[in-house]
Protein backbone atom coordinates (compact mmCIF):
# COMPACT_ATOMS: atom_id res chain seq x y z
CA MET A 1 0.13 0.00 0.02
CA THR A 2 1.19 3.39 -0.86
CA LEU A 3 -0.03 6.79 0.52
CA ASN A 4 -2.78 8.28 -1.38
CA LEU A 5 -2.69 12.11 -1.62
CA ASP A 6 -5.49 12.26 -4.29
CA PRO A 7 -8.95 13.33 -3.19
CA ASN A 8 -10.43 10.37 -1.77
CA ILE A 9 -13.33 11.43 0.73
CA SER A 10 -16.91 11.43 -0.37
CA ASP A 11 -18.50 14.65 0.58
CA PRO A 12 -15.33 16.43 1.65
CA ASP A 13 -17.14 19.65 2.49
CA GLY A 14 -19.61 17.71 4.82
CA PHE A 15 -16.72 15.86 6.46
CA TYR A 16 -14.81 19.23 6.99
CA ASP A 17 -18.00 20.70 8.48
CA GLU A 18 -18.34 17.68 10.84
CA LEU A 19 -14.81 17.95 11.86
CA LEU A 20 -15.07 21.76 12.68
CA ALA A 21 -18.41 20.92 14.55
CA ALA A 22 -16.55 18.25 16.55
CA HIS A 23 -14.05 20.95 17.86
CA GLN A 24 -16.80 23.69 18.51
CA PRO A 25 -17.29 23.16 22.14
CA LEU A 26 -13.50 22.45 23.08
CA THR A 27 -10.86 24.37 24.68
CA LYS A 28 -7.64 24.73 22.91
CA ASP A 29 -6.15 21.88 25.00
CA GLU A 30 -9.22 19.63 24.52
CA SER A 31 -9.06 20.26 20.79
CA ASP A 32 -5.36 19.05 20.64
CA ALA A 33 -6.17 16.02 22.61
CA PHE A 34 -9.22 15.36 20.22
CA ASN A 35 -6.75 15.71 17.36
CA ALA A 36 -4.16 13.37 18.83
CA ARG A 37 -6.73 10.63 19.64
CA LEU A 38 -8.24 10.95 16.07
CA ILE A 39 -4.71 10.64 14.44
CA LEU A 40 -4.14 7.76 16.33
CA ILE A 41 -7.42 6.01 15.71
CA LEU A 42 -6.81 6.74 11.93
CA ALA A 43 -3.21 5.46 12.11
CA ASN A 44 -4.32 2.27 13.75
CA HIS A 45 -7.03 1.83 11.06
CA ILE A 46 -4.35 2.22 8.26
CA GLY A 47 -2.05 -0.03 10.17
CA ASP A 48 0.79 -0.08 7.57
CA ARG A 49 3.87 1.46 9.01
CA ALA A 50 5.31 2.31 5.69
CA VAL A 51 2.39 4.33 4.88
CA LEU A 52 2.16 6.06 8.11
CA THR A 53 5.94 7.18 7.63
CA GLU A 54 4.94 8.59 4.10
CA ALA A 55 2.09 10.44 5.79
CA LEU A 56 4.39 12.06 8.42
CA LYS A 57 6.77 12.94 5.72
CA ALA A 58 4.07 14.60 3.63
CA ALA A 59 2.67 16.50 6.64
CA ARG A 60 6.03 17.93 7.40
CA LYS A 61 6.26 19.11 3.94
CA ALA A 62 2.79 20.89 3.95
């Protein structure tokens, strides 16, 4: 598996709205903790260490 950086989310605007809404009632610290939990949940779902390493590198470049 390789990292897919092409658009791949159905209804990306709806997902973005949902993501923002999930942060709405949170403080900065709670929001940071939420992001960390979300990242770890999604990383676990991906599971492939090589893909996760590619994602870390891609995020650093952005």
